[in-house]
Amino acid sequence: MSVLSFSKTVLHNLFAKPATRMYPQVPREYPERTRGQIGINIDDCIFCGICSKKCPTGAIAVSRETKSWSIKRFGCIQCGECVGVCPKKCLTMLQAYSTPNATKTVDQYAQIIATASGEPPRSAASTPKPVVPVVPVVPVVPEAPESAEVSKSPEVPEVPEAPNAADAADTVKE
């Protein structure tokens, strides 16, 4: 009797669709109200900083001086508070999640202002691209040239070695 029930399961699995999907080739379709990650239209942002004040985890940082906006993707809990309080409605909840990464990243966006050469600013329809963070450079101290006289510390006189206990015992016996 158990062979018949097992063969029923085998036949069912042979003709059924697979239970999983091939992830990189077939992306997942998320429901309409999925809270994925925060997106920004940087051209509409006025850099008021309300989103960073309302963020419960402090994942958003706004700089009015440099006209930049940054978010720590792995610090964000996708609560949507920043999207709700944005006065210009430049923040949106995207229906996608951050890509897995071995390190914690910070996405930085900066508003591009028209230059003196007459280059127009980006269109509002273009997607913002993250700005590469600047890595501080550690200054290298140059080595002194060989011809330069290097001051040396005063030499420490050598201390004579203490006599060995076995040698001291031999001298006493004699």
Protein backbone atom coordinates (compact mmCIF):
# COMPACT_ATOMS: atom_id res chain seq x y z
CA MET A 1 0.00 0.00 0.00
CA SER A 2 2.90 2.43 0.75
CA VAL A 3 4.32 1.95 -2.77
CA LEU A 4 1.08 3.16 -4.30
CA SER A 5 0.92 6.30 -2.14
CA PHE A 6 4.56 7.06 -2.90
CA SER A 7 4.05 6.64 -6.65
CA LYS A 8 1.09 9.05 -6.46
CA THR A 9 3.42 11.70 -4.93
CA VAL A 10 6.09 11.04 -7.58
CA LEU A 11 3.63 11.42 -10.46
CA HIS A 12 2.21 14.60 -8.96
CA ASN A 13 5.69 16.15 -8.64
CA LEU A 14 6.65 15.17 -12.19
CA PHE A 15 3.79 17.14 -13.74
CA ALA A 16 3.55 20.07 -11.31
CA LYS A 17 5.24 23.45 -11.73
CA PRO A 18 8.44 23.98 -9.70
CA ALA A 19 7.96 25.40 -6.21
CA THR A 20 10.85 27.87 -6.60
CA ARG A 21 11.78 30.35 -9.29
CA MET A 22 15.14 30.94 -10.90
CA TYR A 23 15.91 34.15 -9.00
CA PRO A 24 18.45 36.07 -11.04
CA GLN A 25 16.76 35.24 -14.35
CA VAL A 26 13.17 35.60 -13.07
CA PRO A 27 12.90 38.53 -10.63
CA ARG A 28 10.24 38.45 -7.96
CA GLU A 29 7.08 40.45 -8.50
CA TYR A 30 6.25 42.30 -5.28
CA PRO A 31 2.71 43.22 -4.19
CA GLU A 32 1.57 46.80 -4.75
CA ARG A 33 2.03 48.02 -1.16
CA THR A 34 5.47 46.50 -0.59
CA ARG A 35 7.84 48.75 1.35
CA GLY A 36 11.17 48.10 -0.31
CA GLN A 37 13.70 50.91 -0.23
CA ILE A 38 13.62 54.69 -0.26
CA GLY A 39 14.04 56.42 -3.62
CA ILE A 40 14.68 60.11 -4.16
CA ASN A 41 14.22 62.55 -7.01
CA ILE A 42 17.16 64.77 -6.08
CA ASP A 43 16.20 67.52 -8.56
CA ASP A 44 12.97 68.24 -6.63
CA CYS A 45 14.56 68.16 -3.16
CA ILE A 46 14.87 71.47 -1.28
CA PHE A 47 17.18 69.95 1.40
CA CYS A 48 14.96 71.02 4.31
CA GLY A 49 16.13 68.10 6.51
CA ILE A 50 12.67 67.11 7.78
CA CYS A 51 13.19 63.54 6.53
CA SER A 52 16.41 63.18 8.53
CA LYS A 53 14.74 64.54 11.68
CA LYS A 54 11.79 62.13 11.38
CA CYS A 55 13.93 59.04 10.61
CA PRO A 56 13.75 56.85 13.76
CA THR A 57 17.10 55.17 13.08
CA GLY A 58 19.02 58.22 11.84
CA ALA A 59 19.76 56.54 8.51
CA ILE A 60 19.19 59.72 6.47
CA ALA A 61 21.60 62.67 6.41
CA VAL A 62 20.92 65.94 4.58
CA SER A 63 23.50 68.63 3.88
CA ARG A 64 22.10 71.95 2.76
CA GLU A 65 25.58 73.46 2.13
CA THR A 66 26.74 70.78 -0.32
CA LYS A 67 23.19 70.05 -1.57
CA SER A 68 23.60 66.35 -0.89
CA TRP A 69 21.35 63.67 0.57
CA SER A 70 22.59 60.29 1.84
CA ILE A 71 21.01 57.16 3.27
CA LYS A 72 22.51 54.19 5.08
CA ARG A 73 20.60 51.41 3.30
CA PHE A 74 21.20 48.80 5.99
CA GLY A 75 20.26 51.26 8.75
CA CYS A 76 16.88 52.05 7.18
CA ILE A 77 13.92 50.05 8.53
CA GLN A 78 11.59 50.98 5.64
CA CYS A 79 9.00 52.58 7.94
CA GLY A 80 8.06 55.27 5.41
CA GLU A 81 8.10 58.20 7.88
CA CYS A 82 10.42 60.22 5.65
CA VAL A 83 8.16 59.69 2.63
CA GLY A 84 5.11 60.89 4.56
CA VAL A 85 6.67 64.12 5.86
CA CYS A 86 8.52 65.26 2.71
CA PRO A 87 6.99 68.65 1.72
CA LYS A 88 8.05 68.36 -1.94
CA LYS A 89 7.13 64.63 -2.23
CA CYS A 90 10.52 63.85 -3.75
CA LEU A 91 10.90 60.68 -1.61
CA THR A 92 9.14 57.47 -2.63
CA MET A 93 8.97 53.87 -1.43
CA LEU A 94 10.28 51.67 -4.23
CA GLN A 95 9.02 48.12 -4.67
CA ALA A 96 12.53 46.66 -4.61
CA TYR A 97 14.98 45.79 -1.89
CA SER A 98 18.65 46.68 -1.53
CA THR A 99 20.98 44.24 -3.19
CA PRO A 100 22.86 42.00 -0.77
CA ASN A 101 26.36 43.21 0.02
CA ALA A 102 29.22 42.12 2.26
CA THR A 103 29.76 45.65 3.57
CA LYS A 104 27.39 48.33 4.81
CA THR A 105 27.03 51.02 2.18
CA VAL A 106 25.90 54.61 2.20
CA ASP A 107 24.17 55.88 -0.94
CA GLN A 108 24.88 59.55 -1.55
CA TYR A 109 23.03 61.79 -3.99
CA ALA A 110 24.02 65.33 -4.91
CA GLN A 111 22.13 67.96 -6.83
CA ILE A 112 23.94 69.05 -9.97
CA ILE A 113 23.83 72.79 -10.58
CA ALA A 114 24.30 74.31 -14.06
CA THR A 115 27.92 75.22 -14.66
CA ALA A 116 29.34 78.43 -16.15
CA SER A 117 29.97 76.62 -19.46
CA GLY A 118 26.21 76.59 -20.06
CA GLU A 119 25.71 72.90 -19.36
CA PRO A 120 22.04 72.37 -18.48
CA PRO A 121 21.06 70.64 -15.23
CA ARG A 122 19.81 67.06 -15.31
CA SER A 123 16.23 66.50 -16.32
CA ALA A 124 13.76 65.52 -13.61
CA ALA A 125 13.01 62.25 -15.42
CA SER A 126 16.58 60.98 -15.12
CA THR A 127 17.35 58.62 -12.30
CA PRO A 128 19.80 59.90 -9.68
CA LYS A 129 23.11 58.13 -9.43
CA PRO A 130 24.99 57.67 -6.16
CA VAL A 131 28.00 59.89 -5.61
CA VAL A 132 31.21 57.99 -4.88
CA PRO A 133 32.32 58.78 -1.33
CA VAL A 134 35.66 60.54 -1.00
CA VAL A 135 38.28 58.46 0.77
CA PRO A 136 40.61 60.49 2.99
CA VAL A 137 44.24 60.25 1.97
CA VAL A 138 46.79 59.58 4.69
CA PRO A 139 49.86 61.77 4.20
CA VAL A 140 53.11 59.91 3.71
CA VAL A 141 56.08 61.20 5.69
CA PRO A 142 59.12 61.33 3.40
CA GLU A 143 62.24 59.57 4.57
CA ALA A 144 65.31 61.66 5.40
CA PRO A 145 67.96 61.67 2.66
CA GLU A 146 71.03 59.54 3.30
CA SER A 147 73.38 62.52 3.23
CA ALA A 148 71.51 64.30 6.00
CA GLU A 149 72.92 63.82 9.47
CA VAL A 150 70.54 61.88 11.68
CA SER A 151 70.71 62.51 15.40
CA LYS A 152 71.16 59.32 17.35
CA SER A 153 70.15 58.68 20.89
CA PRO A 154 73.02 58.40 23.36
CA GLU A 155 74.40 54.90 23.57
CA VAL A 156 73.57 52.91 26.66
CA PRO A 157 76.64 51.35 28.30
CA GLU A 158 76.68 47.57 28.35
CA VAL A 159 76.02 45.93 31.69
CA PRO A 160 78.38 43.06 32.56
CA GLU A 161 76.69 39.70 32.89
CA ALA A 162 76.02 38.36 36.36
CA PRO A 163 78.14 35.37 37.34
CA ASN A 164 76.47 32.03 36.87
CA ALA A 165 75.38 30.31 40.11
CA ALA A 166 77.12 27.06 39.07
CA ASP A 167 80.43 28.89 38.50
CA ALA A 168 80.11 30.58 41.89
CA ALA A 169 79.61 27.19 43.57
CA ASP A 170 82.77 25.79 41.93
CA THR A 171 84.85 28.68 43.17
CA VAL A 172 83.65 28.25 46.75
CA LYS A 173 84.62 24.55 46.86
CA GLU A 174 88.18 25.18 45.78
